[in-house]
Amino acid sequence: MTSSVVIRTRNEADRLRLTLTSLACQSQPAEIIVVNDGSTDHINQVLTEFSADFPLVTFNRSLTSTKF
């Protein structure tokens, strides 16, 4: 059984890296969906690194913030 985890984020690249690392270490595989709400930090680098190593990580990037 695969679980799904949805993470919304904006300018939280370092915190997202910790969260993704923690999720990757879980005993059950999980589909991880990251919704980037127009971040201006290095979040795309973090997402690219993780999606290369963990194929269940996908991300959706908004070019402008929806201010959620």
PDB file of N, CA and C in Angstrom:
ATOM      1  N   MET A   1       0.835  -1.179   0.000  1.00  0.00           N
ATOM      2  CA  MET A   1       0.000   0.000   0.000  1.00  0.00           C
ATOM      3  C   MET A   1       0.883   1.246   0.000  1.00  0.00           C
ATOM      4  N   THR A   2       0.585   2.177  -0.863  1.00  0.00           N
ATOM      5  CA  THR A   2       1.337   3.424  -0.936  1.00  0.00           C
ATOM      6  C   THR A   2       0.460   4.567  -0.432  1.00  0.00           C
ATOM      7  N   SER A   3       1.015   5.353   0.446  1.00  0.00           N
ATOM      8  CA  SER A   3       0.320   6.540   0.949  1.00  0.00           C
ATOM      9  C   SER A   3       0.708   7.736   0.096  1.00  0.00           C
ATOM     10  N   SER A   4      -0.088   8.771   0.176  1.00  0.00           N
ATOM     11  CA  SER A   4       0.220  10.028  -0.499  1.00  0.00           C
ATOM     12  C   SER A   4       0.327  11.130   0.539  1.00  0.00           C
ATOM     13  N   VAL A   5       1.342  11.967   0.374  1.00  0.00           N
ATOM     14  CA  VAL A   5       1.566  13.102   1.261  1.00  0.00           C
ATOM     15  C   VAL A   5       1.628  14.349   0.387  1.00  0.00           C
ATOM     16  N   VAL A   6       0.818  15.342   0.716  1.00  0.00           N
ATOM     17  CA  VAL A   6       0.829  16.606  -0.024  1.00  0.00           C
ATOM     18  C   VAL A   6       1.411  17.673   0.887  1.00  0.00           C
ATOM     19  N   ILE A   7       2.436  18.367   0.390  1.00  0.00           N
ATOM     20  CA  ILE A   7       3.108  19.422   1.157  1.00  0.00           C
ATOM     21  C   ILE A   7       2.979  20.716   0.369  1.00  0.00           C
ATOM     22  N   ARG A   8       2.442  21.730   0.990  1.00  0.00           N
ATOM     23  CA  ARG A   8       2.433  23.051   0.348  1.00  0.00           C
ATOM     24  C   ARG A   8       3.557  23.866   0.990  1.00  0.00           C
ATOM     25  N   THR A   9       4.224  24.649   0.177  1.00  0.00           N
ATOM     26  CA  THR A   9       5.381  25.375   0.692  1.00  0.00           C
ATOM     27  C   THR A   9       5.595  26.672  -0.060  1.00  0.00           C
ATOM     28  N   ARG A  10       6.204  27.609   0.632  1.00  0.00           N
ATOM     29  CA  ARG A  10       6.601  28.885   0.023  1.00  0.00           C
ATOM     30  C   ARG A  10       7.809  29.406   0.799  1.00  0.00           C
ATOM     31  N   ASN A  11       8.948  29.505   0.121  1.00  0.00           N
ATOM     32  CA  ASN A  11      10.198  30.012   0.713  1.00  0.00           C
ATOM     33  C   ASN A  11      10.598  29.263   1.978  1.00  0.00           C
ATOM     34  N   GLU A  12      10.511  27.955   1.937  1.00  0.00           N
ATOM     35  CA  GLU A  12      10.886  27.097   3.065  1.00  0.00           C
ATOM     36  C   GLU A  12      11.799  25.971   2.593  1.00  0.00           C
ATOM     37  N   ALA A  13      12.770  26.275   1.740  1.00  0.00           N
ATOM     38  CA  ALA A  13      13.607  25.242   1.137  1.00  0.00           C
ATOM     39  C   ALA A  13      14.339  24.391   2.172  1.00  0.00           C
ATOM     40  N   ASP A  14      14.936  25.006   3.161  1.00  0.00           N
ATOM     41  CA  ASP A  14      15.694  24.236   4.151  1.00  0.00           C
ATOM     42  C   ASP A  14      14.775  23.357   5.000  1.00  0.00           C
ATOM     43  N   ARG A  15      13.637  23.883   5.387  1.00  0.00           N
ATOM     44  CA  ARG A  15      12.665  23.086   6.146  1.00  0.00           C
ATOM     45  C   ARG A  15      12.099  21.964   5.281  1.00  0.00           C
ATOM     46  N   LEU A  16      11.861  22.242   3.994  1.00  0.00           N
ATOM     47  CA  LEU A  16      11.361  21.219   3.087  1.00  0.00           C
ATOM     48  C   LEU A  16      12.375  20.090   2.940  1.00  0.00           C
ATOM     49  N   ARG A  17      13.652  20.423   2.854  1.00  0.00           N
ATOM     50  CA  ARG A  17      14.696  19.402   2.753  1.00  0.00           C
ATOM     51  C   ARG A  17      14.631  18.452   3.950  1.00  0.00           C
ATOM     52  N   LEU A  18      14.463  18.997   5.151  1.00  0.00           N
ATOM     53  CA  LEU A  18      14.348  18.161   6.356  1.00  0.00           C
ATOM     54  C   LEU A  18      13.094  17.284   6.298  1.00  0.00           C
ATOM     55  N   THR A  19      11.996  17.858   5.866  1.00  0.00           N
ATOM     56  CA  THR A  19      10.746  17.110   5.778  1.00  0.00           C
ATOM     57  C   THR A  19      10.854  15.973   4.768  1.00  0.00           C
ATOM     58  N   LEU A  20      11.405  16.253   3.599  1.00  0.00           N
ATOM     59  CA  LEU A  20      11.553  15.219   2.576  1.00  0.00           C
ATOM     60  C   LEU A  20      12.508  14.123   3.027  1.00  0.00           C
ATOM     61  N   THR A  21      13.569  14.498   3.709  1.00  0.00           N
ATOM     62  CA  THR A  21      14.510  13.502   4.231  1.00  0.00           C
ATOM     63  C   THR A  21      13.809  12.586   5.221  1.00  0.00           C
ATOM     64  N   SER A  22      13.018  13.166   6.096  1.00  0.00           N
ATOM     65  CA  SER A  22      12.283  12.371   7.073  1.00  0.00           C
ATOM     66  C   SER A  22      11.297  11.424   6.384  1.00  0.00           C
ATOM     67  N   LEU A  23      10.567  11.923   5.415  1.00  0.00           N
ATOM     68  CA  LEU A  23       9.610  11.080   4.700  1.00  0.00           C
ATOM     69  C   LEU A  23      10.300   9.962   3.928  1.00  0.00           C
ATOM     70  N   ALA A  24      11.467  10.240   3.377  1.00  0.00           N
ATOM     71  CA  ALA A  24      12.203   9.231   2.616  1.00  0.00           C
ATOM     72  C   ALA A  24      12.703   8.094   3.509  1.00  0.00           C
ATOM     73  N   CYS A  25      12.834   8.345   4.791  1.00  0.00           N
ATOM     74  CA  CYS A  25      13.347   7.332   5.731  1.00  0.00           C
ATOM     75  C   CYS A  25      12.242   6.466   6.337  1.00  0.00           C
ATOM     76  N   GLN A  26      11.006   6.720   5.987  1.00  0.00           N
ATOM     77  CA  GLN A  26       9.903   5.948   6.556  1.00  0.00           C
ATOM     78  C   GLN A  26       9.917   4.522   6.012  1.00  0.00           C
ATOM     79  N   SER A  27       9.352   3.603   6.773  1.00  0.00           N
ATOM     80  CA  SER A  27       9.373   2.191   6.381  1.00  0.00           C
ATOM     81  C   SER A  27       8.422   1.885   5.226  1.00  0.00           C
ATOM     82  N   GLN A  28       7.381   2.664   5.056  1.00  0.00           N
ATOM     83  CA  GLN A  28       6.439   2.473   3.963  1.00  0.00           C
ATOM     84  C   GLN A  28       6.672   3.537   2.892  1.00  0.00           C
ATOM     85  N   PRO A  29       6.692   3.142   1.615  1.00  0.00           N
ATOM     86  CA  PRO A  29       6.879   4.156   0.566  1.00  0.00           C
ATOM     87  C   PRO A  29       5.677   5.087   0.506  1.00  0.00           C
ATOM     88  N   ALA A  30       5.939   6.326   0.153  1.00  0.00           N
ATOM     89  CA  ALA A  30       4.869   7.308   0.040  1.00  0.00           C
ATOM     90  C   ALA A  30       5.074   8.142  -1.214  1.00  0.00           C
ATOM     91  N   GLU A  31       3.999   8.409  -1.893  1.00  0.00           N
ATOM     92  CA  GLU A  31       4.008   9.376  -2.987  1.00  0.00           C
ATOM     93  C   GLU A  31       4.023  10.747  -2.314  1.00  0.00           C
ATOM     94  N   ILE A  32       4.985  11.581  -2.671  1.00  0.00           N
ATOM     95  CA  ILE A  32       5.121  12.899  -2.055  1.00  0.00           C
ATOM     96  C   ILE A  32       4.869  13.954  -3.123  1.00  0.00           C
ATOM     97  N   ILE A  33       3.858  14.761  -2.908  1.00  0.00           N
ATOM     98  CA  ILE A  33       3.503  15.818  -3.846  1.00  0.00           C
ATOM     99  C   ILE A  33       3.783  17.151  -3.169  1.00  0.00           C
ATOM    100  N   VAL A  34       4.660  17.938  -3.769  1.00  0.00           N
ATOM    101  CA  VAL A  34       5.015  19.242  -3.209  1.00  0.00           C
ATOM    102  C   VAL A  34       4.420  20.322  -4.091  1.00  0.00           C
ATOM    103  N   VAL A  35       3.660  21.220  -3.486  1.00  0.00           N
ATOM    104  CA  VAL A  35       3.082  22.351  -4.199  1.00  0.00           C
ATOM    105  C   VAL A  35       3.857  23.599  -3.779  1.00  0.00           C
ATOM    106  N   ASN A  36       4.604  24.147  -4.708  1.00  0.00           N
ATOM    107  CA  ASN A  36       5.440  25.318  -4.469  1.00  0.00           C
ATOM    108  C   ASN A  36       4.641  26.565  -4.858  1.00  0.00           C
ATOM    109  N   ASP A  37       4.366  27.394  -3.896  1.00  0.00           N
ATOM    110  CA  ASP A  37       3.540  28.584  -4.118  1.00  0.00           C
ATOM    111  C   ASP A  37       4.379  29.819  -4.431  1.00  0.00           C
ATOM    112  N   GLY A  38       5.096  29.785  -5.550  1.00  0.00           N
ATOM    113  CA  GLY A  38       5.842  30.959  -6.003  1.00  0.00           C
ATOM    114  C   GLY A  38       7.057  31.303  -5.169  1.00  0.00           C
ATOM    115  N   SER A  39       7.758  30.303  -4.657  1.00  0.00           N
ATOM    116  CA  SER A  39       8.939  30.551  -3.828  1.00  0.00           C
ATOM    117  C   SER A  39      10.028  31.284  -4.596  1.00  0.00           C
ATOM    118  N   THR A  40      10.793  32.088  -3.874  1.00  0.00           N
ATOM    119  CA  THR A  40      11.914  32.807  -4.476  1.00  0.00           C
ATOM    120  C   THR A  40      13.248  32.338  -3.904  1.00  0.00           C
ATOM    121  N   ASP A  41      13.228  31.323  -3.048  1.00  0.00           N
ATOM    122  CA  ASP A  41      14.472  30.793  -2.486  1.00  0.00           C
ATOM    123  C   ASP A  41      14.967  29.626  -3.356  1.00  0.00           C
ATOM    124  N   HIS A  42      15.825  28.771  -2.820  1.00  0.00           N
ATOM    125  CA  HIS A  42      16.429  27.675  -3.584  1.00  0.00           C
ATOM    126  C   HIS A  42      15.611  26.388  -3.520  1.00  0.00           C
ATOM    127  N   ILE A  43      14.311  26.522  -3.416  1.00  0.00           N
ATOM    128  CA  ILE A  43      13.439  25.352  -3.293  1.00  0.00           C
ATOM    129  C   ILE A  43      13.472  24.464  -4.540  1.00  0.00           C
ATOM    130  N   ASN A  44      13.608  25.057  -5.714  1.00  0.00           N
ATOM    131  CA  ASN A  44      13.652  24.245  -6.938  1.00  0.00           C
ATOM    132  C   ASN A  44      14.862  23.329  -6.954  1.00  0.00           C
ATOM    133  N   GLN A  45      15.967  23.776  -6.417  1.00  0.00           N
ATOM    134  CA  GLN A  45      17.153  22.933  -6.311  1.00  0.00           C
ATOM    135  C   GLN A  45      16.882  21.742  -5.396  1.00  0.00           C
ATOM    136  N   VAL A  46      16.258  21.994  -4.262  1.00  0.00           N
ATOM    137  CA  VAL A  46      15.916  20.923  -3.326  1.00  0.00           C
ATOM    138  C   VAL A  46      14.983  19.912  -3.995  1.00  0.00           C
ATOM    139  N   LEU A  47      13.964  20.399  -4.670  1.00  0.00           N
ATOM    140  CA  LEU A  47      13.005  19.513  -5.332  1.00  0.00           C
ATOM    141  C   LEU A  47      13.654  18.699  -6.437  1.00  0.00           C
ATOM    142  N   THR A  48      14.536  19.313  -7.194  1.00  0.00           N
ATOM    143  CA  THR A  48      15.230  18.602  -8.260  1.00  0.00           C
ATOM    144  C   THR A  48      16.104  17.495  -7.690  1.00  0.00           C
ATOM    145  N   GLU A  49      16.833  17.781  -6.626  1.00  0.00           N
ATOM    146  CA  GLU A  49      17.677  16.766  -5.988  1.00  0.00           C
ATOM    147  C   GLU A  49      16.851  15.582  -5.516  1.00  0.00           C
ATOM    148  N   PHE A  50      15.757  15.855  -4.834  1.00  0.00           N
ATOM    149  CA  PHE A  50      14.951  14.769  -4.294  1.00  0.00           C
ATOM    150  C   PHE A  50      14.213  14.004  -5.375  1.00  0.00           C
ATOM    151  N   SER A  51      13.714  14.676  -6.384  1.00  0.00           N
ATOM    152  CA  SER A  51      12.981  13.961  -7.424  1.00  0.00           C
ATOM    153  C   SER A  51      13.905  13.059  -8.235  1.00  0.00           C
ATOM    154  N   ALA A  52      15.189  13.391  -8.307  1.00  0.00           N
ATOM    155  CA  ALA A  52      16.148  12.528  -8.997  1.00  0.00           C
ATOM    156  C   ALA A  52      16.409  11.251  -8.208  1.00  0.00           C
ATOM    157  N   ASP A  53      16.470  11.348  -6.891  1.00  0.00           N
ATOM    158  CA  ASP A  53      16.767  10.194  -6.041  1.00  0.00           C
ATOM    159  C   ASP A  53      15.533   9.399  -5.634  1.00  0.00           C
ATOM    160  N   PHE A  54      14.386  10.053  -5.588  1.00  0.00           N
ATOM    161  CA  PHE A  54      13.154   9.415  -5.141  1.00  0.00           C
ATOM    162  C   PHE A  54      12.067   9.641  -6.181  1.00  0.00           C
ATOM    163  N   PRO A  55      11.810   8.642  -7.016  1.00  0.00           N
ATOM    164  CA  PRO A  55      10.859   8.837  -8.117  1.00  0.00           C
ATOM    165  C   PRO A  55       9.423   9.113  -7.676  1.00  0.00           C
ATOM    166  N   LEU A  56       9.093   8.856  -6.420  1.00  0.00           N
ATOM    167  CA  LEU A  56       7.732   9.120  -5.957  1.00  0.00           C
ATOM    168  C   LEU A  56       7.529  10.578  -5.550  1.00  0.00           C
ATOM    169  N   VAL A  57       8.575  11.407  -5.685  1.00  0.00           N
ATOM    170  CA  VAL A  57       8.449  12.831  -5.372  1.00  0.00           C
ATOM    171  C   VAL A  57       8.095  13.576  -6.656  1.00  0.00           C
ATOM    172  N   THR A  58       6.964  14.263  -6.634  1.00  0.00           N
ATOM    173  CA  THR A  58       6.572  15.108  -7.759  1.00  0.00           C
ATOM    174  C   THR A  58       6.294  16.506  -7.225  1.00  0.00           C
ATOM    175  N   PHE A  59       6.397  17.481  -8.084  1.00  0.00           N
ATOM    176  CA  PHE A  59       6.127  18.834  -7.611  1.00  0.00           C
ATOM    177  C   PHE A  59       5.410  19.658  -8.643  1.00  0.00           C
ATOM    178  N   ASN A  60       4.660  20.598  -8.124  1.00  0.00           N
ATOM    179  CA  ASN A  60       3.876  21.540  -8.921  1.00  0.00           C
ATOM    180  C   ASN A  60       4.345  22.931  -8.516  1.00  0.00           C
ATOM    181  N   ARG A  61       4.745  23.728  -9.478  1.00  0.00           N
ATOM    182  CA  ARG A  61       5.285  25.054  -9.178  1.00  0.00           C
ATOM    183  C   ARG A  61       4.387  26.150  -9.736  1.00  0.00           C
ATOM    184  N   SER A  62       4.015  27.055  -8.864  1.00  0.00           N
ATOM    185  CA  SER A  62       3.265  28.232  -9.274  1.00  0.00           C
ATOM    186  C   SER A  62       4.258  29.375  -9.468  1.00  0.00           C
ATOM    187  N   LEU A  63       4.165  30.091 -10.551  1.00  0.00           N
ATOM    188  CA  LEU A  63       5.098  31.193 -10.805  1.00  0.00           C
ATOM    189  C   LEU A  63       4.799  32.409  -9.956  1.00  0.00           C
ATOM    190  N   THR A  64       3.564  32.532  -9.530  1.00  0.00           N
ATOM    191  CA  THR A  64       3.190  33.646  -8.652  1.00  0.00           C
ATOM    192  C   THR A  64       2.550  33.084  -7.398  1.00  0.00           C
ATOM    193  N   SER A  65       2.694  33.798  -6.319  1.00  0.00           N
ATOM    194  CA  SER A  65       2.150  33.347  -5.044  1.00  0.00           C
ATOM    195  C   SER A  65       0.640  33.528  -5.007  1.00  0.00           C
ATOM    196  N   THR A  66      -0.015  32.514  -4.449  1.00  0.00           N
ATOM    197  CA  THR A  66      -1.447  32.624  -4.206  1.00  0.00           C
ATOM    198  C   THR A  66      -1.699  33.063  -2.784  1.00  0.00           C
ATOM    199  N   LYS A  67      -0.598  33.238  -2.030  1.00  0.00           N
ATOM    200  CA  LYS A  67      -0.627  33.715  -0.636  1.00  0.00           C
ATOM    201  C   LYS A  67      -1.537  32.865   0.252  1.00  0.00           C
ATOM    202  N   PHE A  68      -1.365  31.549   0.136  1.00  0.00           N
ATOM    203  CA  PHE A  68      -2.169  30.673   0.998  1.00  0.00           C
ATOM    204  C   PHE A  68      -1.670  30.622   2.399  1.00  0.00           C
TER     205      PHE A  68
END
